[in-house]
């Protein structure tokens, strides 16, 4: 009987599926330049790294990407690293 009275899912439930599928990341460089990305949690971070390097005119080999102080490898995914919406830093090599 309660199912008929409340056919809509609880507030935020529809959005929860979308937010679990994608993650918003901000890449911040030593120069404090910020670039924002929205990628799927299962996408390899190489895609983000390549896009960042292309936008900044830098070589991937000349940069190191870090998340929570740990180096990020190009084959890693946000899901593997338990990433939340947040910040990825890079250092020049």
N, C-alpha and C. Protein backbone atom coordinates (compact mmCIF):
# COMPACT_ATOMS: atom_id res chain seq x y z
N UNK A 1 0.81 -1.18 0.00
CA UNK A 1 0.00 0.00 0.00
C UNK A 1 0.86 1.26 0.00
N UNK A 2 1.96 1.26 0.74
CA UNK A 2 2.84 2.42 0.75
C UNK A 2 3.53 2.60 -0.60
N UNK A 3 3.71 1.50 -1.35
CA UNK A 3 4.33 1.62 -2.67
C UNK A 3 3.45 2.41 -3.62
N UNK A 4 2.14 2.25 -3.52
CA UNK A 4 1.23 2.97 -4.39
C UNK A 4 1.17 4.45 -4.01
N UNK A 5 1.31 4.76 -2.75
CA UNK A 5 1.24 6.14 -2.30
C UNK A 5 2.51 6.91 -2.65
N UNK A 6 3.65 6.24 -2.73
CA UNK A 6 4.92 6.91 -2.99
C UNK A 6 5.64 6.21 -4.14
N UNK A 7 5.19 6.40 -5.40
CA UNK A 7 5.81 5.71 -6.52
C UNK A 7 7.18 6.27 -6.91
N UNK A 8 7.52 7.49 -6.47
CA UNK A 8 8.80 8.10 -6.83
C UNK A 8 9.89 7.66 -5.87
N UNK A 9 11.12 7.51 -6.37
CA UNK A 9 12.23 7.15 -5.48
C UNK A 9 12.54 8.30 -4.53
N UNK A 10 13.17 8.01 -3.40
CA UNK A 10 13.53 9.08 -2.47
C UNK A 10 14.41 10.12 -3.16
N UNK A 11 14.34 11.35 -2.68
CA UNK A 11 15.09 12.45 -3.26
C UNK A 11 16.58 12.11 -3.33
N UNK A 12 17.18 12.37 -4.50
CA UNK A 12 18.61 12.15 -4.67
C UNK A 12 18.97 10.77 -5.18
N UNK A 13 18.04 9.82 -5.16
CA UNK A 13 18.37 8.46 -5.58
C UNK A 13 18.71 8.40 -7.06
N UNK A 14 17.99 9.15 -7.89
CA UNK A 14 18.28 9.15 -9.33
C UNK A 14 19.65 9.74 -9.60
N UNK A 15 19.99 10.80 -8.90
CA UNK A 15 21.27 11.45 -9.09
C UNK A 15 22.41 10.59 -8.59
N UNK A 16 22.15 9.76 -7.60
CA UNK A 16 23.19 8.93 -7.01
C UNK A 16 23.82 8.01 -8.05
N UNK A 17 23.04 7.42 -8.93
CA UNK A 17 23.57 6.54 -9.96
C UNK A 17 24.50 7.28 -10.90
N UNK A 18 24.13 8.51 -11.28
CA UNK A 18 24.96 9.30 -12.17
C UNK A 18 26.25 9.72 -11.49
N UNK A 19 26.18 10.11 -10.22
CA UNK A 19 27.37 10.57 -9.52
C UNK A 19 28.33 9.42 -9.25
N UNK A 20 27.82 8.19 -9.17
CA UNK A 20 28.69 7.04 -8.98
C UNK A 20 29.38 6.66 -10.28
N UNK A 21 28.81 7.02 -11.40
CA UNK A 21 29.39 6.66 -12.69
C UNK A 21 30.48 7.63 -13.11
N UNK A 22 30.33 8.92 -12.81
CA UNK A 22 31.30 9.94 -13.19
C UNK A 22 31.94 10.57 -11.96
N UNK A 23 33.11 11.14 -12.19
CA UNK A 23 33.83 11.83 -11.12
C UNK A 23 34.36 13.15 -11.69
N UNK A 24 34.32 14.19 -10.89
CA UNK A 24 34.86 15.49 -11.28
C UNK A 24 36.23 15.65 -10.64
N UNK A 25 37.24 15.88 -11.48
CA UNK A 25 38.60 16.03 -10.99
C UNK A 25 39.16 17.37 -11.44
N UNK A 26 39.99 17.95 -10.60
CA UNK A 26 40.66 19.20 -10.91
C UNK A 26 42.16 18.92 -10.91
N UNK A 27 42.83 19.20 -12.01
CA UNK A 27 44.28 19.04 -12.09
C UNK A 27 44.90 20.40 -11.80
N UNK A 28 45.77 20.44 -10.78
CA UNK A 28 46.42 21.68 -10.37
C UNK A 28 47.92 21.51 -10.52
N UNK A 29 48.52 22.43 -11.27
CA UNK A 29 49.96 22.36 -11.50
C UNK A 29 50.75 23.20 -10.52
N UNK A 30 52.07 23.12 -10.64
CA UNK A 30 52.96 23.91 -9.79
C UNK A 30 52.72 25.40 -9.96
N UNK A 31 52.24 25.78 -11.14
CA UNK A 31 51.96 27.18 -11.42
C UNK A 31 50.56 27.59 -10.94
N UNK A 32 49.88 26.69 -10.24
CA UNK A 32 48.54 26.88 -9.68
C UNK A 32 47.46 27.01 -10.75
N UNK A 33 47.79 26.64 -11.97
CA UNK A 33 46.82 26.61 -13.06
C UNK A 33 45.89 25.42 -12.82
N UNK A 34 44.58 25.63 -12.97
CA UNK A 34 43.59 24.58 -12.72
C UNK A 34 42.87 24.21 -14.00
N UNK A 35 42.72 22.90 -14.24
CA UNK A 35 41.95 22.39 -15.37
C UNK A 35 40.99 21.34 -14.81
N UNK A 36 39.73 21.44 -15.19
CA UNK A 36 38.69 20.56 -14.65
C UNK A 36 38.31 19.49 -15.66
N UNK A 37 38.08 18.27 -15.16
CA UNK A 37 37.69 17.14 -16.00
C UNK A 37 36.54 16.40 -15.34
N UNK A 38 35.67 15.82 -16.16
CA UNK A 38 34.63 14.91 -15.69
C UNK A 38 34.81 13.63 -16.48
N UNK A 39 35.15 12.54 -15.79
CA UNK A 39 35.38 11.27 -16.46
C UNK A 39 34.64 10.16 -15.72
N UNK A 40 34.49 9.04 -16.40
CA UNK A 40 33.87 7.87 -15.76
C UNK A 40 34.87 7.28 -14.78
N UNK A 41 34.34 6.67 -13.74
CA UNK A 41 35.19 6.06 -12.72
C UNK A 41 36.00 4.88 -13.26
N UNK A 42 35.56 4.31 -14.37
CA UNK A 42 36.25 3.15 -14.94
C UNK A 42 37.19 3.53 -16.08
N UNK A 43 37.30 4.82 -16.40
CA UNK A 43 38.17 5.27 -17.48
C UNK A 43 39.61 5.36 -16.97
N UNK A 44 40.56 4.84 -17.76
CA UNK A 44 41.96 4.95 -17.37
C UNK A 44 42.35 6.42 -17.32
N UNK A 45 43.16 6.78 -16.32
CA UNK A 45 43.56 8.17 -16.14
C UNK A 45 44.48 8.67 -17.25
N UNK A 46 44.96 7.77 -18.10
CA UNK A 46 45.77 8.18 -19.25
C UNK A 46 45.00 9.17 -20.11
N UNK A 47 43.70 8.97 -20.23
CA UNK A 47 42.87 9.86 -21.04
C UNK A 47 42.90 11.28 -20.46
N UNK A 48 42.77 11.41 -19.16
CA UNK A 48 42.84 12.70 -18.49
C UNK A 48 44.23 13.30 -18.64
N UNK A 49 45.26 12.49 -18.41
CA UNK A 49 46.64 12.98 -18.49
C UNK A 49 46.97 13.50 -19.89
N UNK A 50 46.59 12.72 -20.91
CA UNK A 50 46.85 13.14 -22.29
C UNK A 50 46.12 14.43 -22.62
N UNK A 51 44.87 14.54 -22.21
CA UNK A 51 44.08 15.75 -22.48
C UNK A 51 44.70 16.96 -21.77
N UNK A 52 45.15 16.75 -20.54
CA UNK A 52 45.76 17.85 -19.79
C UNK A 52 47.04 18.32 -20.49
N UNK A 53 47.89 17.37 -20.87
CA UNK A 53 49.15 17.72 -21.53
C UNK A 53 48.90 18.44 -22.85
N UNK A 54 47.92 17.98 -23.59
CA UNK A 54 47.60 18.63 -24.87
C UNK A 54 47.13 20.07 -24.64
N UNK A 55 46.28 20.27 -23.66
CA UNK A 55 45.78 21.63 -23.37
C UNK A 55 46.89 22.56 -22.90
N UNK A 56 47.84 22.01 -22.16
CA UNK A 56 48.91 22.83 -21.58
C UNK A 56 50.15 22.89 -22.47
N UNK A 57 50.17 22.10 -23.54
CA UNK A 57 51.34 22.08 -24.43
C UNK A 57 52.56 21.48 -23.76
N UNK A 58 52.35 20.45 -22.95
CA UNK A 58 53.45 19.81 -22.22
C UNK A 58 53.51 18.34 -22.59
N UNK A 59 54.68 17.76 -22.39
CA UNK A 59 54.89 16.34 -22.66
C UNK A 59 54.50 15.52 -21.43
N UNK A 60 53.81 14.40 -21.66
CA UNK A 60 53.44 13.52 -20.55
C UNK A 60 54.68 13.02 -19.82
N UNK A 61 55.77 12.80 -20.55
CA UNK A 61 57.00 12.30 -19.94
C UNK A 61 57.64 13.33 -19.00
N UNK A 62 57.25 14.59 -19.14
CA UNK A 62 57.86 15.64 -18.30
C UNK A 62 57.05 15.92 -17.03
N UNK A 63 55.93 15.22 -16.84
CA UNK A 63 55.07 15.47 -15.69
C UNK A 63 54.84 14.21 -14.87
N UNK A 64 54.60 14.41 -13.58
CA UNK A 64 54.17 13.33 -12.68
C UNK A 64 52.85 13.76 -12.08
N UNK A 65 51.86 12.90 -12.16
CA UNK A 65 50.54 13.19 -11.59
C UNK A 65 50.43 12.52 -10.23
N UNK A 66 49.90 13.25 -9.26
CA UNK A 66 49.79 12.76 -7.89
C UNK A 66 48.36 12.88 -7.40
N UNK A 67 47.94 11.92 -6.59
CA UNK A 67 46.65 11.99 -5.91
C UNK A 67 46.87 11.59 -4.46
N UNK A 68 46.51 12.44 -3.54
CA UNK A 68 46.76 12.21 -2.11
C UNK A 68 48.23 11.90 -1.85
N UNK A 69 49.12 12.58 -2.56
CA UNK A 69 50.56 12.41 -2.36
C UNK A 69 51.16 11.19 -3.02
N UNK A 70 50.36 10.36 -3.65
CA UNK A 70 50.84 9.14 -4.31
C UNK A 70 50.84 9.34 -5.82
N UNK A 71 51.85 8.78 -6.47
CA UNK A 71 51.95 8.90 -7.92
C UNK A 71 50.83 8.12 -8.60
N UNK A 72 50.23 8.72 -9.61
CA UNK A 72 49.15 8.11 -10.38
C UNK A 72 49.75 7.55 -11.66
N UNK A 73 49.47 6.29 -11.95
CA UNK A 73 49.93 5.66 -13.19
C UNK A 73 48.85 5.80 -14.25
N UNK A 74 49.26 5.83 -15.51
CA UNK A 74 48.31 6.07 -16.60
C UNK A 74 47.27 4.96 -16.71
N UNK A 75 47.59 3.75 -16.28
CA UNK A 75 46.64 2.63 -16.38
C UNK A 75 45.64 2.61 -15.22
N UNK A 76 45.88 3.42 -14.18
CA UNK A 76 44.95 3.47 -13.04
C UNK A 76 43.62 4.09 -13.45
N UNK A 77 42.57 3.72 -12.71
CA UNK A 77 41.26 4.33 -12.89
C UNK A 77 40.87 5.00 -11.58
N UNK A 78 39.97 5.97 -11.62
CA UNK A 78 39.49 6.57 -10.37
C UNK A 78 38.91 5.53 -9.41
N UNK A 79 38.25 4.51 -9.96
CA UNK A 79 37.67 3.45 -9.13
C UNK A 79 38.77 2.69 -8.38
N UNK A 80 39.85 2.34 -9.08
CA UNK A 80 40.96 1.60 -8.46
C UNK A 80 41.59 2.39 -7.31
N UNK A 81 41.66 3.70 -7.47
CA UNK A 81 42.32 4.55 -6.48
C UNK A 81 41.35 5.10 -5.44
N UNK A 82 40.10 4.63 -5.48
CA UNK A 82 39.07 5.11 -4.55
C UNK A 82 38.99 6.64 -4.54
N UNK A 83 39.08 7.23 -5.73
CA UNK A 83 39.04 8.69 -5.85
C UNK A 83 37.63 9.20 -5.59
N UNK A 84 37.58 10.34 -4.95
CA UNK A 84 36.34 11.09 -4.76
C UNK A 84 36.51 12.35 -5.60
N UNK A 85 35.42 13.08 -5.79
CA UNK A 85 35.56 14.36 -6.48
C UNK A 85 36.66 15.13 -5.78
N UNK A 86 37.60 15.65 -6.54
CA UNK A 86 38.68 16.36 -5.89
C UNK A 86 39.78 16.77 -6.83
N UNK A 87 40.98 16.76 -6.29
CA UNK A 87 42.12 17.38 -6.92
C UNK A 87 43.22 16.38 -7.23
N UNK A 88 43.80 16.51 -8.42
CA UNK A 88 44.98 15.75 -8.82
C UNK A 88 46.07 16.77 -9.07
N UNK A 89 47.22 16.60 -8.46
CA UNK A 89 48.33 17.53 -8.65
C UNK A 89 49.34 16.95 -9.62
N UNK A 90 50.18 17.82 -10.18
CA UNK A 90 51.28 17.31 -10.98
C UNK A 90 52.55 18.04 -10.61
N UNK A 91 53.68 17.39 -10.79
CA UNK A 91 55.01 17.96 -10.60
C UNK A 91 55.77 17.81 -11.89
N UNK A 92 56.63 18.77 -12.17
CA UNK A 92 57.51 18.64 -13.34
C UNK A 92 58.63 17.68 -12.98
N UNK A 93 59.02 16.86 -13.94
CA UNK A 93 60.11 15.90 -13.72
C UNK A 93 61.42 16.59 -13.98
